[in-house]
Amino acid sequence: MIENNNIDIKDEHVDESKDDDLREWHTCCSNSSIAFIKYVVTVSISLIVLVFSLVMISFNPDDDNSIYFSLIASIVSVYIPSPTMDKKPN
């Protein structure tokens, strides 16, 4: 005979992006904010891709380097905010 076991399953959705400033990751030698670690990793990867693209362009000036220019443009466009016009007060 099969018994019916009651299992309570709660579906709790926690919005982690709101709490990233408050939460910390505890590593072997420090306690660091999750938002800070994500920022440092993002900037590091961006710098690696930028340096790689610049090196490839400088070492191969006669080849088609359009992919490296588009990588540079996309990374720069992420970090430079788009321009906005402020409204003049009446």
N, C-alpha and C. Protein backbone atom coordinates (compact mmCIF):
# COMPACT_ATOMS: atom_id res chain seq x y z
N MET A 1 0.83 -1.17 0.00
CA MET A 1 0.00 0.00 0.00
C MET A 1 0.89 1.25 0.00
N ILE A 2 0.53 2.24 -0.79
CA ILE A 2 1.30 3.47 -0.90
C ILE A 2 0.72 4.51 0.02
N GLU A 3 1.58 5.08 0.84
CA GLU A 3 1.14 6.12 1.75
C GLU A 3 1.33 7.47 1.10
N ASN A 4 0.47 8.39 1.41
CA ASN A 4 0.56 9.75 0.88
C ASN A 4 1.30 10.61 1.89
N ASN A 5 2.53 10.96 1.59
CA ASN A 5 3.33 11.81 2.47
C ASN A 5 3.10 13.27 2.10
N ASN A 6 2.87 14.09 3.09
CA ASN A 6 2.69 15.52 2.86
C ASN A 6 4.04 16.21 2.88
N ILE A 7 4.36 16.85 1.79
CA ILE A 7 5.61 17.59 1.70
C ILE A 7 5.25 19.04 1.42
N ASP A 8 5.75 19.92 2.26
CA ASP A 8 5.52 21.34 2.07
C ASP A 8 6.62 21.92 1.19
N ILE A 9 6.23 22.40 0.04
CA ILE A 9 7.18 23.04 -0.86
C ILE A 9 6.76 24.49 -1.00
N LYS A 10 7.65 25.38 -0.63
CA LYS A 10 7.35 26.79 -0.72
C LYS A 10 8.14 27.39 -1.87
N ASP A 11 7.45 28.11 -2.70
CA ASP A 11 8.10 28.78 -3.82
C ASP A 11 8.29 30.23 -3.43
N GLU A 12 9.45 30.51 -2.88
CA GLU A 12 9.74 31.87 -2.45
C GLU A 12 10.69 32.49 -3.44
N HIS A 13 10.24 33.55 -4.08
CA HIS A 13 11.08 34.27 -5.02
C HIS A 13 11.70 35.46 -4.31
N VAL A 14 13.00 35.44 -4.20
CA VAL A 14 13.72 36.52 -3.55
C VAL A 14 14.41 37.32 -4.63
N ASP A 15 14.15 38.62 -4.66
CA ASP A 15 14.80 39.48 -5.62
C ASP A 15 16.20 39.80 -5.11
N GLU A 16 17.19 39.07 -5.65
CA GLU A 16 18.55 39.19 -5.15
C GLU A 16 19.21 40.50 -5.55
N SER A 17 18.76 41.14 -6.64
CA SER A 17 19.42 42.36 -7.08
C SER A 17 19.22 43.50 -6.09
N LYS A 18 18.13 43.50 -5.34
CA LYS A 18 17.91 44.56 -4.36
C LYS A 18 18.81 44.40 -3.14
N ASP A 19 19.15 43.17 -2.81
CA ASP A 19 19.91 42.91 -1.60
C ASP A 19 21.40 42.77 -1.84
N ASP A 20 21.86 42.96 -3.07
CA ASP A 20 23.29 42.80 -3.36
C ASP A 20 24.15 43.80 -2.60
N ASP A 21 23.64 44.99 -2.37
CA ASP A 21 24.42 45.99 -1.65
C ASP A 21 24.57 45.63 -0.17
N LEU A 22 23.63 44.88 0.34
CA LEU A 22 23.65 44.55 1.76
C LEU A 22 24.32 43.21 2.03
N ARG A 23 24.25 42.29 1.09
CA ARG A 23 24.81 40.96 1.31
C ARG A 23 26.31 40.96 1.07
N GLU A 24 26.99 40.01 1.71
CA GLU A 24 28.43 39.89 1.58
C GLU A 24 28.79 38.43 1.30
N TRP A 25 29.87 38.27 0.57
CA TRP A 25 30.45 36.95 0.41
C TRP A 25 31.63 36.84 1.35
N HIS A 26 31.67 35.76 2.09
CA HIS A 26 32.75 35.54 3.05
C HIS A 26 33.77 34.61 2.40
N THR A 27 34.93 35.17 2.07
CA THR A 27 35.99 34.37 1.48
C THR A 27 37.05 34.09 2.53
N CYS A 28 38.10 33.45 2.12
CA CYS A 28 39.11 33.04 3.10
C CYS A 28 39.78 34.22 3.80
N CYS A 29 39.89 35.34 3.12
CA CYS A 29 40.65 36.43 3.74
C CYS A 29 39.86 37.74 3.85
N SER A 30 38.61 37.78 3.41
CA SER A 30 37.88 39.05 3.51
C SER A 30 36.38 38.82 3.41
N ASN A 31 35.66 39.87 3.75
CA ASN A 31 34.22 39.92 3.55
C ASN A 31 33.97 41.00 2.51
N SER A 32 33.43 40.62 1.37
CA SER A 32 33.26 41.57 0.28
C SER A 32 31.80 41.64 -0.15
N SER A 33 31.40 42.82 -0.56
CA SER A 33 30.06 43.03 -1.07
C SER A 33 29.90 42.31 -2.41
N ILE A 34 28.76 41.72 -2.62
CA ILE A 34 28.50 41.00 -3.87
C ILE A 34 28.50 41.97 -5.05
N ALA A 35 27.94 43.14 -4.87
CA ALA A 35 27.91 44.13 -5.95
C ALA A 35 29.33 44.56 -6.34
N PHE A 36 30.21 44.72 -5.35
CA PHE A 36 31.60 45.10 -5.63
C PHE A 36 32.33 44.01 -6.41
N ILE A 37 32.14 42.77 -6.02
CA ILE A 37 32.81 41.68 -6.72
C ILE A 37 32.31 41.56 -8.15
N LYS A 38 31.01 41.71 -8.37
CA LYS A 38 30.46 41.68 -9.73
C LYS A 38 31.02 42.83 -10.57
N TYR A 39 31.16 44.00 -9.97
CA TYR A 39 31.70 45.16 -10.68
C TYR A 39 33.15 44.91 -11.08
N VAL A 40 33.96 44.42 -10.16
CA VAL A 40 35.37 44.18 -10.43
C VAL A 40 35.55 43.12 -11.52
N VAL A 41 34.76 42.06 -11.48
CA VAL A 41 34.84 41.02 -12.50
C VAL A 41 34.43 41.58 -13.86
N THR A 42 33.38 42.37 -13.92
CA THR A 42 32.92 42.95 -15.18
C THR A 42 33.96 43.88 -15.78
N VAL A 43 34.54 44.73 -14.96
CA VAL A 43 35.57 45.65 -15.45
C VAL A 43 36.81 44.88 -15.89
N SER A 44 37.18 43.86 -15.16
CA SER A 44 38.37 43.06 -15.53
C SER A 44 38.18 42.38 -16.87
N ILE A 45 37.05 41.76 -17.08
CA ILE A 45 36.79 41.10 -18.36
C ILE A 45 36.76 42.11 -19.50
N SER A 46 36.18 43.26 -19.25
CA SER A 46 36.14 44.31 -20.28
C SER A 46 37.55 44.78 -20.64
N LEU A 47 38.39 44.96 -19.63
CA LEU A 47 39.76 45.39 -19.90
C LEU A 47 40.55 44.33 -20.66
N ILE A 48 40.33 43.07 -20.33
CA ILE A 48 41.02 41.99 -21.04
C ILE A 48 40.61 41.97 -22.51
N VAL A 49 39.32 42.13 -22.79
CA VAL A 49 38.85 42.13 -24.17
C VAL A 49 39.37 43.36 -24.91
N LEU A 50 39.40 44.52 -24.26
CA LEU A 50 39.94 45.72 -24.89
C LEU A 50 41.42 45.58 -25.23
N VAL A 51 42.20 45.08 -24.30
CA VAL A 51 43.63 44.92 -24.55
C VAL A 51 43.86 43.89 -25.65
N PHE A 52 43.12 42.79 -25.61
CA PHE A 52 43.25 41.78 -26.66
C PHE A 52 42.93 42.37 -28.04
N SER A 53 41.85 43.14 -28.12
CA SER A 53 41.47 43.73 -29.40
C SER A 53 42.52 44.71 -29.90
N LEU A 54 43.05 45.54 -29.02
CA LEU A 54 44.07 46.50 -29.42
C LEU A 54 45.36 45.80 -29.86
N VAL A 55 45.73 44.74 -29.18
CA VAL A 55 46.93 43.99 -29.57
C VAL A 55 46.73 43.34 -30.93
N MET A 56 45.56 42.74 -31.16
CA MET A 56 45.31 42.09 -32.44
C MET A 56 45.28 43.11 -33.58
N ILE A 57 44.76 44.28 -33.34
CA ILE A 57 44.74 45.33 -34.37
C ILE A 57 46.17 45.80 -34.66
N SER A 58 46.97 45.97 -33.62
CA SER A 58 48.32 46.48 -33.84
C SER A 58 49.24 45.43 -34.49
N PHE A 59 49.04 44.15 -34.19
CA PHE A 59 49.89 43.12 -34.79
C PHE A 59 49.47 42.73 -36.20
N ASN A 60 48.23 42.96 -36.56
CA ASN A 60 47.72 42.58 -37.88
C ASN A 60 47.06 43.77 -38.57
N PRO A 61 47.81 44.81 -38.90
CA PRO A 61 47.18 46.00 -39.48
C PRO A 61 46.65 45.79 -40.90
N ASP A 62 47.17 44.78 -41.61
CA ASP A 62 46.72 44.56 -42.99
C ASP A 62 45.52 43.64 -43.09
N ASP A 63 45.17 42.94 -42.03
CA ASP A 63 44.03 42.03 -42.05
C ASP A 63 42.73 42.78 -41.80
N ASP A 64 41.63 42.06 -41.97
CA ASP A 64 40.32 42.63 -41.67
C ASP A 64 40.12 42.63 -40.15
N ASN A 65 40.15 43.78 -39.55
CA ASN A 65 40.05 43.92 -38.09
C ASN A 65 38.69 44.44 -37.64
N SER A 66 37.69 44.28 -38.47
CA SER A 66 36.38 44.85 -38.13
C SER A 66 35.79 44.23 -36.87
N ILE A 67 36.06 42.95 -36.60
CA ILE A 67 35.52 42.32 -35.39
C ILE A 67 36.12 42.96 -34.14
N TYR A 68 37.40 43.31 -34.20
CA TYR A 68 38.05 43.91 -33.03
C TYR A 68 37.57 45.34 -32.80
N PHE A 69 37.34 46.07 -33.88
CA PHE A 69 36.78 47.42 -33.74
C PHE A 69 35.36 47.38 -33.18
N SER A 70 34.58 46.39 -33.60
CA SER A 70 33.22 46.29 -33.06
C SER A 70 33.23 45.87 -31.60
N LEU A 71 34.18 45.03 -31.19
CA LEU A 71 34.31 44.69 -29.77
C LEU A 71 34.66 45.93 -28.94
N ILE A 72 35.58 46.71 -29.44
CA ILE A 72 35.97 47.94 -28.73
C ILE A 72 34.79 48.90 -28.64
N ALA A 73 34.07 49.06 -29.74
CA ALA A 73 32.93 49.98 -29.74
C ALA A 73 31.83 49.51 -28.80
N SER A 74 31.58 48.23 -28.75
CA SER A 74 30.50 47.75 -27.87
C SER A 74 30.88 47.89 -26.40
N ILE A 75 32.13 47.64 -26.05
CA ILE A 75 32.55 47.78 -24.65
C ILE A 75 32.55 49.25 -24.24
N VAL A 76 33.03 50.12 -25.11
CA VAL A 76 33.04 51.55 -24.80
C VAL A 76 31.62 52.08 -24.67
N SER A 77 30.71 51.58 -25.49
CA SER A 77 29.32 52.05 -25.42
C SER A 77 28.63 51.61 -24.14
N VAL A 78 29.10 50.56 -23.52
CA VAL A 78 28.52 50.13 -22.24
C VAL A 78 28.90 51.09 -21.13
N TYR A 79 30.14 51.58 -21.15
CA TYR A 79 30.63 52.41 -20.05
C TYR A 79 30.39 53.90 -20.23
N ILE A 80 30.17 54.36 -21.45
CA ILE A 80 29.90 55.78 -21.67
C ILE A 80 28.38 55.97 -21.72
N PRO A 81 27.83 56.78 -20.84
CA PRO A 81 26.37 56.96 -20.85
C PRO A 81 25.92 57.71 -22.10
N SER A 82 24.73 57.39 -22.53
CA SER A 82 24.20 58.09 -23.71
C SER A 82 23.85 59.53 -23.35
N PRO A 83 24.05 60.43 -24.27
CA PRO A 83 23.78 61.85 -23.96
C PRO A 83 22.30 62.13 -23.84
N THR A 84 22.00 63.02 -22.95
CA THR A 84 20.61 63.46 -22.76
C THR A 84 20.58 64.98 -22.72
N MET A 85 19.47 65.53 -23.17
CA MET A 85 19.31 66.98 -23.12
C MET A 85 18.44 67.33 -21.93
N ASP A 86 18.94 68.21 -21.09
CA ASP A 86 18.16 68.66 -19.96
C ASP A 86 17.17 69.70 -20.45
N LYS A 87 15.98 69.63 -19.88
CA LYS A 87 14.96 70.61 -20.25
C LYS A 87 15.22 71.92 -19.51
N LYS A 88 15.04 73.00 -20.23
CA LYS A 88 15.21 74.31 -19.62
C LYS A 88 14.00 74.62 -18.75
N PRO A 89 14.25 75.17 -17.58
CA PRO A 89 13.10 75.56 -16.75
C PRO A 89 12.39 76.77 -17.37
N ASN A 90 11.09 76.78 -17.31
CA ASN A 90 10.30 77.89 -17.88
C ASN A 90 10.27 79.09 -16.98
